[in-house]
Amino acid sequence: MDPADVFPLLRALADGRFHGGEQLARTLGLSRSTVCQRLDALESLGVECHRVRGRGCRLPQPLDLLDAGALAADLAADGLRVELVDHTLSTSSDLLARADTLASGHVRIAEWQTAGRGRQGRHWLALPAQGLTFSLLWRFSGGVQALAGLSLAVAVAVARACQACGVDAVRVKWPNDLLLHQPPRPDRKLGGVLVDVQGDALGPSAAVIGIGINVHGASGETGQPAAALDDATGHDVTANNATGITRHAVLVSVLRHLAAAIRRFEAEGFAAFRDDWQSLHAWHLHTVDVLHADGSRLQGVVAGIDADGALLLETPGGRQRILSGDVSLRTAAPPIAPPLPQEASATLR
């Protein structure tokens, strides 16, 4: 069943209280059998429902739904146009399909995204109203080459925005991951950034910046340990805890930081973010494995990033320059002191 068909049922259950089948049928204008079918569909899509004979059905916790009007009011001064939808396959794909007709600063947000894209074609999993899944279209006067390092600048903005919401443990991992960094626990993925670029080498160009952040539930790319902002604070607003972080607060903070960061990036380039990014890198001076798309592997010590955002890796054969989008990182060993830089340089593709 299409998730868009069952989202009205989710809204009817959003308060976390029990609702009887007859009451839900009246509210939604459906038959009781159709309500039961849609409850079954919700569960098949990964949404947990508690059913009790004689009481009805409820969600485990209330949903922390967004409000389009409140978002528009809070973000009007930042020059952003907010579009909120209940469900879509991918907010980035939606904006890419409409890029020719939309103004710069258009934000598309989905309460529930069911075919989000992670890096290297991985599938980004997200449950409804648990995390944040949204994309921003931004137009640049310069060409595509001038956008080198944009995804890293975006990651800095998102990390600082989460820290402004009280989660100090947010860090970045090259090239586009957001981590919850709480040693001695292993790092867990909190979110990610994926930037799609369109345009000419000399300009103009446009970028669709897709962002996913786990707020109340640990979603993410399949096969990776995940965490949510709630894990860092110990408070969950969906469990009727007034001190919890709300999706609205995180989204507004991220978009405000993001709009300011992009304008700075336009004026100063990635150089303005390089030091901040390196200070946030969870694996700086760690020994890591770099996994190439063809299956080959390179081990070395993370020595930072260059002016274009490429990862610098110290290896026994010299310093290697690793380009974004071509490799994956996995922790190989605890931090060690990097070897003295050598002049040899290579680029892996």
C-alpha atoms as a PDB file:
ATOM      1  CA  MET A   1       0.000   0.000   0.000  1.00  0.00           C
ATOM      2  CA  ASP A   2       1.193   3.512  -0.799  1.00  0.00           C
ATOM      3  CA  PRO A   3       2.483   5.219   2.390  1.00  0.00           C
ATOM      4  CA  ALA A   4       0.630   8.361   1.296  1.00  0.00           C
ATOM      5  CA  ASP A   5      -2.643   6.441   1.717  1.00  0.00           C
ATOM      6  CA  VAL A   6      -1.907   5.485   5.318  1.00  0.00           C
ATOM      7  CA  PHE A   7      -0.495   8.802   6.529  1.00  0.00           C
ATOM      8  CA  PRO A   8      -3.959  10.210   7.435  1.00  0.00           C
ATOM      9  CA  LEU A   9      -4.298   7.239   9.786  1.00  0.00           C
ATOM     10  CA  LEU A  10      -0.952   8.137  11.336  1.00  0.00           C
ATOM     11  CA  ARG A  11      -2.179  11.681  11.932  1.00  0.00           C
ATOM     12  CA  ALA A  12      -5.313  10.338  13.601  1.00  0.00           C
ATOM     13  CA  LEU A  13      -3.111   8.287  15.948  1.00  0.00           C
ATOM     14  CA  ALA A  14      -0.528  11.032  16.488  1.00  0.00           C
ATOM     15  CA  ASP A  15      -1.525  11.786  20.094  1.00  0.00           C
ATOM     16  CA  GLY A  16      -0.362   8.347  21.257  1.00  0.00           C
ATOM     17  CA  ARG A  17      -3.740   7.536  22.845  1.00  0.00           C
ATOM     18  CA  PHE A  18      -6.038   4.608  22.165  1.00  0.00           C
ATOM     19  CA  HIS A  19      -8.518   5.088  19.327  1.00  0.00           C
ATOM     20  CA  GLY A  20     -11.264   2.584  18.605  1.00  0.00           C
ATOM     21  CA  GLY A  21     -11.854   1.222  15.135  1.00  0.00           C
ATOM     22  CA  GLU A  22     -15.289   2.823  14.842  1.00  0.00           C
ATOM     23  CA  GLN A  23     -13.922   6.204  15.935  1.00  0.00           C
ATOM     24  CA  LEU A  24     -11.070   5.998  13.404  1.00  0.00           C
ATOM     25  CA  ALA A  25     -13.485   4.988  10.663  1.00  0.00           C
ATOM     26  CA  ARG A  26     -15.655   8.056  11.347  1.00  0.00           C
ATOM     27  CA  THR A  27     -12.656  10.393  11.549  1.00  0.00           C
ATOM     28  CA  LEU A  28     -11.156   9.158   8.278  1.00  0.00           C
ATOM     29  CA  GLY A  29     -14.392   8.516   6.397  1.00  0.00           C
ATOM     30  CA  LEU A  30     -13.473   4.868   5.852  1.00  0.00           C
ATOM     31  CA  SER A  31     -15.005   1.507   6.641  1.00  0.00           C
ATOM     32  CA  ARG A  32     -13.726  -0.356   9.690  1.00  0.00           C
ATOM     33  CA  SER A  33     -12.327  -3.099   7.467  1.00  0.00           C
ATOM     34  CA  THR A  34     -10.361  -0.500   5.485  1.00  0.00           C
ATOM     35  CA  VAL A  35      -9.018   0.953   8.736  1.00  0.00           C
ATOM     36  CA  CYS A  36      -7.834  -2.535   9.737  1.00  0.00           C
ATOM     37  CA  GLN A  37      -6.183  -2.989   6.347  1.00  0.00           C
ATOM     38  CA  ARG A  38      -4.364   0.301   6.727  1.00  0.00           C
ATOM     39  CA  LEU A  39      -3.230  -0.580  10.232  1.00  0.00           C
ATOM     40  CA  ASP A  40      -1.807  -3.795   8.784  1.00  0.00           C
ATOM     41  CA  ALA A  41      -0.113  -1.746   6.061  1.00  0.00           C
ATOM     42  CA  LEU A  42       1.419   0.605   8.630  1.00  0.00           C
ATOM     43  CA  GLU A  43       2.916  -2.324  10.501  1.00  0.00           C
ATOM     44  CA  SER A  44       4.258  -3.839   7.288  1.00  0.00           C
ATOM     45  CA  LEU A  45       5.997  -0.519   6.603  1.00  0.00           C
ATOM     46  CA  GLY A  46       7.787  -0.667   9.951  1.00  0.00           C
ATOM     47  CA  VAL A  47       5.437   1.416  12.119  1.00  0.00           C
ATOM     48  CA  GLU A  48       4.721  -0.199  15.489  1.00  0.00           C
ATOM     49  CA  CYS A  49       1.057  -0.211  16.532  1.00  0.00           C
ATOM     50  CA  HIS A  50      -0.359  -1.459  19.843  1.00  0.00           C
ATOM     51  CA  ARG A  51      -3.767  -3.108  19.454  1.00  0.00           C
ATOM     52  CA  VAL A  52      -5.840  -4.028  22.502  1.00  0.00           C
ATOM     53  CA  ARG A  53      -9.241  -5.668  22.205  1.00  0.00           C
ATOM     54  CA  GLY A  54     -11.944  -3.384  23.558  1.00  0.00           C
ATOM     55  CA  ARG A  55      -9.679  -0.298  23.592  1.00  0.00           C
ATOM     56  CA  GLY A  56      -8.507   0.044  20.021  1.00  0.00           C
ATOM     57  CA  CYS A  57      -5.102   0.972  18.692  1.00  0.00           C
ATOM     58  CA  ARG A  58      -2.379   3.438  19.603  1.00  0.00           C
ATOM     59  CA  LEU A  59       1.199   4.290  18.697  1.00  0.00           C
ATOM     60  CA  PRO A  60       3.947   3.588  21.285  1.00  0.00           C
ATOM     61  CA  GLN A  61       4.551   7.352  21.681  1.00  0.00           C
ATOM     62  CA  PRO A  62       2.944  10.516  20.326  1.00  0.00           C
ATOM     63  CA  LEU A  63       4.253  11.731  16.976  1.00  0.00           C
ATOM     64  CA  ASP A  64       6.328  14.910  16.899  1.00  0.00           C
ATOM     65  CA  LEU A  65       4.743  16.272  13.713  1.00  0.00           C
ATOM     66  CA  LEU A  66       5.883  19.440  11.981  1.00  0.00           C
ATOM     67  CA  ASP A  67       3.732  22.497  11.278  1.00  0.00           C
ATOM     68  CA  ALA A  68       4.241  24.193   7.908  1.00  0.00           C
ATOM     69  CA  GLY A  69       2.928  27.558   9.095  1.00  0.00           C
ATOM     70  CA  ALA A  70       5.195  27.658  12.138  1.00  0.00           C
ATOM     71  CA  LEU A  71       8.211  26.692  10.024  1.00  0.00           C
ATOM     72  CA  ALA A  72       7.468  29.366   7.428  1.00  0.00           C
ATOM     73  CA  ALA A  73       7.122  32.017  10.124  1.00  0.00           C
ATOM     74  CA  ASP A  74      10.368  31.054  11.853  1.00  0.00           C
ATOM     75  CA  LEU A  75      12.371  30.896   8.609  1.00  0.00           C
ATOM     76  CA  ALA A  76      10.954  33.839   6.654  1.00  0.00           C
ATOM     77  CA  ALA A  77      13.826  36.137   7.633  1.00  0.00           C
ATOM     78  CA  ASP A  78      16.354  33.611   6.308  1.00  0.00           C
ATOM     79  CA  GLY A  79      15.021  33.831   2.751  1.00  0.00           C
ATOM     80  CA  LEU A  80      13.793  30.231   2.681  1.00  0.00           C
ATOM     81  CA  ARG A  81      10.555  28.933   1.177  1.00  0.00           C
ATOM     82  CA  VAL A  82       9.260  25.898   3.056  1.00  0.00           C
ATOM     83  CA  GLU A  83       7.259  23.099   1.445  1.00  0.00           C
ATOM     84  CA  LEU A  84       6.101  20.341   3.822  1.00  0.00           C
ATOM     85  CA  VAL A  85       4.619  17.070   2.540  1.00  0.00           C
ATOM     86  CA  ASP A  86       3.364  14.024   4.390  1.00  0.00           C
ATOM     87  CA  HIS A  87       5.180  11.496   2.228  1.00  0.00           C
ATOM     88  CA  THR A  88       7.553  11.271  -0.690  1.00  0.00           C
ATOM     89  CA  LEU A  89      10.082   8.825  -2.043  1.00  0.00           C
ATOM     90  CA  SER A  90      12.992  11.301  -1.999  1.00  0.00           C
ATOM     91  CA  THR A  91      12.971  15.041  -1.319  1.00  0.00           C
ATOM     92  CA  SER A  92      16.166  15.471  -3.342  1.00  0.00           C
ATOM     93  CA  SER A  93      14.752  13.643  -6.353  1.00  0.00           C
ATOM     94  CA  ASP A  94      11.651  15.832  -6.107  1.00  0.00           C
ATOM     95  CA  LEU A  95      13.703  19.044  -6.216  1.00  0.00           C
ATOM     96  CA  LEU A  96      15.976  17.797  -8.994  1.00  0.00           C
ATOM     97  CA  ALA A  97      12.905  17.109 -11.130  1.00  0.00           C
ATOM     98  CA  ARG A  98      11.675  20.684 -10.578  1.00  0.00           C
ATOM     99  CA  ALA A  99      15.016  22.485 -10.400  1.00  0.00           C
ATOM    100  CA  ASP A 100      14.373  24.564 -13.521  1.00  0.00           C
ATOM    101  CA  THR A 101      11.213  26.113 -12.070  1.00  0.00           C
ATOM    102  CA  LEU A 102      12.034  26.621  -8.390  1.00  0.00           C
ATOM    103  CA  ALA A 103      13.651  29.653  -6.806  1.00  0.00           C
ATOM    104  CA  SER A 104      16.852  29.468  -4.805  1.00  0.00           C
ATOM    105  CA  GLY A 105      16.173  28.775  -1.137  1.00  0.00           C
ATOM    106  CA  HIS A 106      13.325  26.307  -1.720  1.00  0.00           C
ATOM    107  CA  VAL A 107      13.159  23.642   1.009  1.00  0.00           C
ATOM    108  CA  ARG A 108      11.167  20.423   0.619  1.00  0.00           C
ATOM    109  CA  ILE A 109      10.554  18.512   3.845  1.00  0.00           C
ATOM    110  CA  ALA A 110       8.918  15.114   4.187  1.00  0.00           C
ATOM    111  CA  GLU A 111       7.336  13.750   7.340  1.00  0.00           C
ATOM    112  CA  TRP A 112       7.986  10.317   5.855  1.00  0.00           C
ATOM    113  CA  GLN A 113      10.548   9.523   3.176  1.00  0.00           C
ATOM    114  CA  THR A 114      10.626   5.944   1.940  1.00  0.00           C
ATOM    115  CA  ALA A 115      13.289   5.876  -0.798  1.00  0.00           C
ATOM    116  CA  GLY A 116      15.927   8.314   0.407  1.00  0.00           C
ATOM    117  CA  ARG A 117      19.376   8.071  -1.131  1.00  0.00           C
ATOM    118  CA  GLY A 118      22.557   7.619   0.836  1.00  0.00           C
ATOM    119  CA  ARG A 119      26.076   7.767  -0.482  1.00  0.00           C
ATOM    120  CA  GLN A 120      27.103   5.426  -3.339  1.00  0.00           C
ATOM    121  CA  GLY A 121      23.473   4.494  -3.955  1.00  0.00           C
ATOM    122  CA  ARG A 122      22.796   3.156  -0.471  1.00  0.00           C
ATOM    123  CA  HIS A 123      19.222   3.230   0.788  1.00  0.00           C
ATOM    124  CA  TRP A 124      18.459   5.673   3.620  1.00  0.00           C
ATOM    125  CA  LEU A 125      15.788   4.208   5.924  1.00  0.00           C
ATOM    126  CA  ALA A 126      13.518   6.551   7.893  1.00  0.00           C
ATOM    127  CA  LEU A 127      10.364   6.040   9.938  1.00  0.00           C
ATOM    128  CA  PRO A 128       7.594   8.672   9.856  1.00  0.00           C
ATOM    129  CA  ALA A 129       7.996  11.761  12.067  1.00  0.00           C
ATOM    130  CA  GLN A 130      11.048  10.313  13.825  1.00  0.00           C
ATOM    131  CA  GLY A 131      13.928  11.999  12.049  1.00  0.00           C
ATOM    132  CA  LEU A 132      14.277  14.884   9.628  1.00  0.00           C
ATOM    133  CA  THR A 133      14.471  14.303   5.889  1.00  0.00           C
ATOM    134  CA  PHE A 134      14.635  17.408   3.730  1.00  0.00           C
ATOM    135  CA  SER A 135      16.401  19.000   0.774  1.00  0.00           C
ATOM    136  CA  LEU A 136      17.351  22.566  -0.111  1.00  0.00           C
ATOM    137  CA  LEU A 137      17.785  23.994  -3.608  1.00  0.00           C
ATOM    138  CA  TRP A 138      20.378  26.759  -3.883  1.00  0.00           C
ATOM    139  CA  ARG A 139      21.516  28.603  -7.002  1.00  0.00           C
ATOM    140  CA  PHE A 140      25.096  29.815  -7.437  1.00  0.00           C
ATOM    141  CA  SER A 141      26.449  32.343  -9.922  1.00  0.00           C
ATOM    142  CA  GLY A 142      29.725  30.425 -10.171  1.00  0.00           C
ATOM    143  CA  GLY A 143      30.350  27.141 -11.928  1.00  0.00           C
ATOM    144  CA  VAL A 144      30.293  23.584 -10.681  1.00  0.00           C
ATOM    145  CA  GLN A 145      34.033  23.620  -9.969  1.00  0.00           C
ATOM    146  CA  ALA A 146      33.541  26.444  -7.464  1.00  0.00           C
ATOM    147  CA  LEU A 147      31.354  24.123  -5.361  1.00  0.00           C
ATOM    148  CA  ALA A 148      34.232  21.846  -4.301  1.00  0.00           C
ATOM    149  CA  GLY A 149      33.930  21.231  -0.578  1.00  0.00           C
ATOM    150  CA  LEU A 150      30.281  22.327  -0.376  1.00  0.00           C
ATOM    151  CA  SER A 151      29.099  19.063   1.198  1.00  0.00           C
ATOM    152  CA  LEU A 152      31.750  19.395   3.921  1.00  0.00           C
ATOM    153  CA  ALA A 153      30.736  23.000   4.619  1.00  0.00           C
ATOM    154  CA  VAL A 154      27.134  21.808   4.903  1.00  0.00           C
ATOM    155  CA  ALA A 155      28.172  19.102   7.383  1.00  0.00           C
ATOM    156  CA  VAL A 156      29.863  21.750   9.544  1.00  0.00           C
ATOM    157  CA  ALA A 157      26.689  23.855   9.525  1.00  0.00           C
ATOM    158  CA  VAL A 158      24.508  20.882  10.488  1.00  0.00           C
ATOM    159  CA  ALA A 159      26.859  19.791  13.274  1.00  0.00           C
ATOM    160  CA  ARG A 160      26.984  23.306  14.734  1.00  0.00           C
ATOM    161  CA  ALA A 161      23.189  23.563  14.491  1.00  0.00           C
ATOM    162  CA  CYS A 162      22.756  20.325  16.461  1.00  0.00           C
ATOM    163  CA  GLN A 163      25.247  21.555  19.038  1.00  0.00           C
ATOM    164  CA  ALA A 164      23.225  24.761  19.335  1.00  0.00           C
ATOM    165  CA  CYS A 165      20.273  22.519  20.265  1.00  0.00           C
ATOM    166  CA  GLY A 166      22.260  21.095  23.162  1.00  0.00           C
ATOM    167  CA  VAL A 167      23.885  18.024  21.585  1.00  0.00           C
ATOM    168  CA  ASP A 168      27.602  18.695  21.966  1.00  0.00           C
ATOM    169  CA  ALA A 169      28.669  15.198  20.892  1.00  0.00           C
ATOM    170  CA  VAL A 170      27.908  15.690  17.173  1.00  0.00           C
ATOM    171  CA  ARG A 171      30.942  15.210  14.942  1.00  0.00           C
ATOM    172  CA  VAL A 172      31.603  14.774  11.223  1.00  0.00           C
ATOM    173  CA  LYS A 173      33.212  11.934   9.291  1.00  0.00           C
ATOM    174  CA  TRP A 174      34.655  12.392   5.832  1.00  0.00           C
ATOM    175  CA  PRO A 175      33.105  12.874   3.414  1.00  0.00           C
ATOM    176  CA  ASN A 176      29.489  13.440   4.430  1.00  0.00           C
ATOM    177  CA  ASP A 177      28.497  11.644   7.635  1.00  0.00           C
ATOM    178  CA  LEU A 178      27.274  13.069  10.938  1.00  0.00           C
ATOM    179  CA  LEU A 179      28.237  10.988  13.962  1.00  0.00           C
ATOM    180  CA  LEU A 180      27.313  10.773  17.608  1.00  0.00           C
ATOM    181  CA  HIS A 181      30.777  10.693  19.185  1.00  0.00           C
ATOM    182  CA  GLN A 182      30.640   9.436  22.787  1.00  0.00           C
ATOM    183  CA  PRO A 183      33.880   7.592  23.656  1.00  0.00           C
ATOM    184  CA  PRO A 184      34.449   4.882  24.737  1.00  0.00           C
ATOM    185  CA  ARG A 185      31.353   3.852  22.782  1.00  0.00           C
ATOM    186  CA  PRO A 186      31.906   3.299  19.059  1.00  0.00           C
ATOM    187  CA  ASP A 187      30.799   6.184  16.868  1.00  0.00           C
ATOM    188  CA  ARG A 188      27.237   5.853  15.583  1.00  0.00           C
ATOM    189  CA  LYS A 189      25.737   7.479  12.522  1.00  0.00           C
ATOM    190  CA  LEU A 190      23.412  10.352  13.336  1.00  0.00           C
ATOM    191  CA  GLY A 191      22.770  11.600   9.824  1.00  0.00           C
ATOM    192  CA  GLY A 192      24.251  12.436   6.488  1.00  0.00           C
ATOM    193  CA  VAL A 193      24.551  14.943   3.669  1.00  0.00           C
ATOM    194  CA  LEU A 194      24.228  14.272  -0.054  1.00  0.00           C
ATOM    195  CA  VAL A 195      24.739  17.095  -2.568  1.00  0.00           C
ATOM    196  CA  ASP A 196      23.621  16.868  -6.207  1.00  0.00           C
ATOM    197  CA  VAL A 197      25.030  19.545  -8.504  1.00  0.00           C
ATOM    198  CA  GLN A 198      23.725  20.797 -11.845  1.00  0.00           C
ATOM    199  CA  GLY A 199      25.136  23.444 -14.162  1.00  0.00           C
ATOM    200  CA  ASP A 200      28.072  24.475 -16.312  1.00  0.00           C
ATOM    201  CA  ALA A 201      31.755  24.553 -15.474  1.00  0.00           C
ATOM    202  CA  LEU A 202      31.797  28.354 -15.690  1.00  0.00           C
ATOM    203  CA  GLY A 203      28.348  28.909 -14.214  1.00  0.00           C
ATOM    204  CA  PRO A 204      25.664  29.339 -13.302  1.00  0.00           C
ATOM    205  CA  SER A 205      25.070  26.221 -11.220  1.00  0.00           C
ATOM    206  CA  ALA A 206      22.622  24.834  -8.704  1.00  0.00           C
ATOM    207  CA  ALA A 207      22.925  22.409  -5.821  1.00  0.00           C
ATOM    208  CA  VAL A 208      20.269  20.230  -4.230  1.00  0.00           C
ATOM    209  CA  ILE A 209      21.434  19.587  -0.674  1.00  0.00           C
ATOM    210  CA  GLY A 210      19.802  16.538   0.872  1.00  0.00           C
ATOM    211  CA  ILE A 211      20.034  16.046   4.637  1.00  0.00           C
ATOM    212  CA  GLY A 212      18.864  13.287   6.949  1.00  0.00           C
ATOM    213  CA  ILE A 213      19.082  13.566  10.746  1.00  0.00           C
ATOM    214  CA  ASN A 214      17.879  11.079  13.351  1.00  0.00           C
ATOM    215  CA  VAL A 215      16.010  12.939  16.084  1.00  0.00           C
ATOM    216  CA  HIS A 216      13.773  10.470  17.950  1.00  0.00           C
ATOM    217  CA  GLY A 217      14.659   7.171  16.323  1.00  0.00           C
ATOM    218  CA  ALA A 218      17.841   5.611  14.978  1.00  0.00           C
ATOM    219  CA  SER A 219      17.328   5.293  11.232  1.00  0.00           C
ATOM    220  CA  GLY A 220      19.924   5.525   8.501  1.00  0.00           C
ATOM    221  CA  GLU A 221      21.790   3.595   5.842  1.00  0.00           C
ATOM    222  CA  THR A 222      21.390  -0.141   6.111  1.00  0.00           C
ATOM    223  CA  GLY A 223      24.192  -2.016   7.871  1.00  0.00           C
ATOM    224  CA  GLN A 224      25.574   0.885   9.908  1.00  0.00           C
ATOM    225  CA  PRO A 225      25.278   1.446  13.687  1.00  0.00           C
ATOM    226  CA  ALA A 226      22.900   4.383  14.141  1.00  0.00           C
ATOM    227  CA  ALA A 227      21.937   6.844  16.858  1.00  0.00           C
ATOM    228  CA  ALA A 228      19.501   9.709  17.399  1.00  0.00           C
ATOM    229  CA  LEU A 229      19.741  13.103  19.077  1.00  0.00           C
ATOM    230  CA  ASP A 230      17.514  11.737  21.843  1.00  0.00           C
ATOM    231  CA  ASP A 231      20.241   9.199  22.641  1.00  0.00           C
ATOM    232  CA  ALA A 232      22.603  12.051  23.460  1.00  0.00           C
ATOM    233  CA  THR A 233      20.207  14.061  25.613  1.00  0.00           C
ATOM    234  CA  GLY A 234      18.426  11.231  27.394  1.00  0.00           C
ATOM    235  CA  HIS A 235      15.153  13.099  26.843  1.00  0.00           C
ATOM    236  CA  ASP A 236      12.410  12.188  24.403  1.00  0.00           C
ATOM    237  CA  VAL A 237       9.698  14.752  23.710  1.00  0.00           C
ATOM    238  CA  THR A 238       7.538  12.022  22.166  1.00  0.00           C
ATOM    239  CA  ALA A 239       7.423  10.339  25.585  1.00  0.00           C
ATOM    240  CA  ASN A 240       5.653  13.416  26.988  1.00  0.00           C
ATOM    241  CA  ASN A 241       8.936  14.860  28.241  1.00  0.00           C
ATOM    242  CA  ALA A 242       8.761  18.636  27.880  1.00  0.00           C
ATOM    243  CA  THR A 243      12.558  18.951  27.995  1.00  0.00           C
ATOM    244  CA  GLY A 244      13.088  16.836  24.888  1.00  0.00           C
ATOM    245  CA  ILE A 245      14.399  18.174  21.592  1.00  0.00           C
ATOM    246  CA  THR A 246      11.660  18.747  19.029  1.00  0.00           C
ATOM    247  CA  ARG A 247      11.997  18.147  15.318  1.00  0.00           C
ATOM    248  CA  HIS A 248      10.817  21.726  14.724  1.00  0.00           C
ATOM    249  CA  ALA A 249      13.609  23.195  16.861  1.00  0.00           C
ATOM    250  CA  VAL A 250      16.293  21.077  15.195  1.00  0.00           C
ATOM    251  CA  LEU A 251      15.019  21.809  11.689  1.00  0.00           C
ATOM    252  CA  VAL A 252      14.852  25.565  12.243  1.00  0.00           C
ATOM    253  CA  SER A 253      18.338  25.579  13.761  1.00  0.00           C
ATOM    254  CA  VAL A 254      19.779  23.534  10.896  1.00  0.00           C
ATOM    255  CA  LEU A 255      18.179  25.619   8.146  1.00  0.00           C
ATOM    256  CA  ARG A 256      19.264  28.902   9.738  1.00  0.00           C
ATOM    257  CA  HIS A 257      22.847  27.679  10.128  1.00  0.00           C
ATOM    258  CA  LEU A 258      22.740  26.233   6.621  1.00  0.00           C
ATOM    259  CA  ALA A 259      21.512  29.413   4.926  1.00  0.00           C
ATOM    260  CA  ALA A 260      24.208  31.450   6.674  1.00  0.00           C
ATOM    261  CA  ALA A 261      26.893  28.884   5.822  1.00  0.00           C
ATOM    262  CA  ILE A 262      25.988  28.760   2.132  1.00  0.00           C
ATOM    263  CA  ARG A 263      26.126  32.530   1.840  1.00  0.00           C
ATOM    264  CA  ARG A 264      29.548  32.470   3.475  1.00  0.00           C
ATOM    265  CA  PHE A 265      30.620  29.653   1.151  1.00  0.00           C
ATOM    266  CA  GLU A 266      29.568  31.754  -1.848  1.00  0.00           C
ATOM    267  CA  ALA A 267      31.717  34.646  -0.647  1.00  0.00           C
ATOM    268  CA  GLU A 268      34.760  32.833   0.764  1.00  0.00           C
ATOM    269  CA  GLY A 269      34.701  29.249  -0.525  1.00  0.00           C
ATOM    270  CA  PHE A 270      35.515  26.135   1.462  1.00  0.00           C
ATOM    271  CA  ALA A 271      38.636  27.743   2.959  1.00  0.00           C
ATOM    272  CA  ALA A 272      36.371  29.508   5.475  1.00  0.00           C
ATOM    273  CA  PHE A 273      35.213  26.123   6.828  1.00  0.00           C
ATOM    274  CA  ARG A 274      38.345  23.988   6.616  1.00  0.00           C
ATOM    275  CA  ASP A 275      39.657  24.548  10.155  1.00  0.00           C
ATOM    276  CA  ASP A 276      36.207  24.150  11.691  1.00  0.00           C
ATOM    277  CA  TRP A 277      35.620  20.927   9.772  1.00  0.00           C
ATOM    278  CA  GLN A 278      38.956  19.490  10.916  1.00  0.00           C
ATOM    279  CA  SER A 279      38.164  20.377  14.533  1.00  0.00           C
ATOM    280  CA  LEU A 280      34.909  18.416  14.209  1.00  0.00           C
ATOM    281  CA  HIS A 281      36.367  15.380  12.423  1.00  0.00           C
ATOM    282  CA  ALA A 282      35.865  12.377  14.696  1.00  0.00           C
ATOM    283  CA  TRP A 283      38.678  10.400  13.082  1.00  0.00           C
ATOM    284  CA  HIS A 284      41.409  13.028  12.775  1.00  0.00           C
ATOM    285  CA  LEU A 285      44.835  11.414  13.406  1.00  0.00           C
ATOM    286  CA  HIS A 286      43.226   7.958  13.487  1.00  0.00           C
ATOM    287  CA  THR A 287      44.472   5.028  11.459  1.00  0.00           C
ATOM    288  CA  VAL A 288      41.743   4.163   8.976  1.00  0.00           C
ATOM    289  CA  ASP A 289      41.024   1.853   6.083  1.00  0.00           C
ATOM    290  CA  VAL A 290      40.023   3.522   2.847  1.00  0.00           C
ATOM    291  CA  LEU A 291      37.883   1.184   0.777  1.00  0.00           C
ATOM    292  CA  HIS A 292      37.930   1.903  -2.935  1.00  0.00           C
ATOM    293  CA  ALA A 293      34.927   1.220  -5.141  1.00  0.00           C
ATOM    294  CA  ASP A 294      36.837  -1.525  -6.974  1.00  0.00           C
ATOM    295  CA  GLY A 295      37.468  -3.387  -3.703  1.00  0.00           C
ATOM    296  CA  SER A 296      41.067  -2.296  -3.195  1.00  0.00           C
ATOM    297  CA  ARG A 297      42.052  -1.009   0.234  1.00  0.00           C
ATOM    298  CA  LEU A 298      44.482   1.588   1.532  1.00  0.00           C
ATOM    299  CA  GLN A 299      45.446   2.095   5.165  1.00  0.00           C
ATOM    300  CA  GLY A 300      46.903   5.255   6.622  1.00  0.00           C
ATOM    301  CA  VAL A 301      46.591   8.028   9.185  1.00  0.00           C
ATOM    302  CA  VAL A 302      44.080  10.815   8.627  1.00  0.00           C
ATOM    303  CA  ALA A 303      46.101  14.027   8.349  1.00  0.00           C
ATOM    304  CA  GLY A 304      43.275  16.426   7.515  1.00  0.00           C
ATOM    305  CA  ILE A 305      41.712  17.762   4.342  1.00  0.00           C
ATOM    306  CA  ASP A 306      43.002  20.039   1.617  1.00  0.00           C
ATOM    307  CA  ALA A 307      41.557  23.291   0.284  1.00  0.00           C
ATOM    308  CA  ASP A 308      39.105  21.398  -1.953  1.00  0.00           C
ATOM    309  CA  GLY A 309      37.880  19.060   0.792  1.00  0.00           C
ATOM    310  CA  ALA A 310      39.857  15.995  -0.311  1.00  0.00           C
ATOM    311  CA  LEU A 311      40.977  13.697   2.506  1.00  0.00           C
ATOM    312  CA  LEU A 312      44.718  13.647   3.197  1.00  0.00           C
ATOM    313  CA  LEU A 313      46.045  10.263   4.243  1.00  0.00           C
ATOM    314  CA  GLU A 314      49.590   9.580   5.441  1.00  0.00           C
ATOM    315  CA  THR A 315      50.722   6.145   4.245  1.00  0.00           C
ATOM    316  CA  PRO A 316      54.086   4.346   4.179  1.00  0.00           C
ATOM    317  CA  GLY A 317      54.307   5.366   0.524  1.00  0.00           C
ATOM    318  CA  GLY A 318      53.661   9.039   1.171  1.00  0.00           C
ATOM    319  CA  ARG A 319      50.718  11.364   1.465  1.00  0.00           C
ATOM    320  CA  GLN A 320      47.686  10.299  -0.551  1.00  0.00           C
ATOM    321  CA  ARG A 321      44.863  12.605  -1.631  1.00  0.00           C
ATOM    322  CA  ILE A 322      41.470  10.886  -1.485  1.00  0.00           C
ATOM    323  CA  LEU A 323      38.596  12.415  -3.429  1.00  0.00           C
ATOM    324  CA  SER A 324      35.058  12.668  -2.106  1.00  0.00           C
ATOM    325  CA  GLY A 325      32.560  10.221  -3.532  1.00  0.00           C
ATOM    326  CA  ASP A 326      35.020   7.467  -4.442  1.00  0.00           C
ATOM    327  CA  VAL A 327      35.818   5.784  -1.145  1.00  0.00           C
ATOM    328  CA  SER A 328      34.383   4.597   2.165  1.00  0.00           C
ATOM    329  CA  LEU A 329      35.996   4.837   5.574  1.00  0.00           C
ATOM    330  CA  ARG A 330      36.037   2.301   8.376  1.00  0.00           C
ATOM    331  CA  THR A 331      37.940   2.614  11.643  1.00  0.00           C
ATOM    332  CA  ALA A 332      40.962   0.303  11.634  1.00  0.00           C
ATOM    333  CA  ALA A 333      42.812   1.134  14.881  1.00  0.00           C
ATOM    334  CA  PRO A 334      43.006   3.656  17.747  1.00  0.00           C
ATOM    335  CA  PRO A 335      44.572   7.074  17.104  1.00  0.00           C
ATOM    336  CA  ILE A 336      48.306   7.167  16.496  1.00  0.00           C
ATOM    337  CA  ALA A 337      50.745   9.949  15.779  1.00  0.00           C
ATOM    338  CA  PRO A 338      50.944  10.619  12.033  1.00  0.00           C
ATOM    339  CA  PRO A 339      54.247  10.030  10.228  1.00  0.00           C
ATOM    340  CA  LEU A 340      56.201  12.964   8.900  1.00  0.00           C
ATOM    341  CA  PRO A 341      54.648  14.203   5.636  1.00  0.00           C
ATOM    342  CA  GLN A 342      56.375  13.082   2.468  1.00  0.00           C
ATOM    343  CA  GLU A 343      56.252  14.867  -0.827  1.00  0.00           C
ATOM    344  CA  ALA A 344      54.819  11.987  -2.810  1.00  0.00           C
ATOM    345  CA  SER A 345      51.200  12.593  -3.739  1.00  0.00           C
ATOM    346  CA  ALA A 346      48.609  10.563  -5.573  1.00  0.00           C
ATOM    347  CA  THR A 347      44.952  10.792  -6.380  1.00  0.00           C
ATOM    348  CA  LEU A 348      42.713   7.731  -6.097  1.00  0.00           C
ATOM    349  CA  ARG A 349      39.706   7.380  -8.316  1.00  0.00           C
END
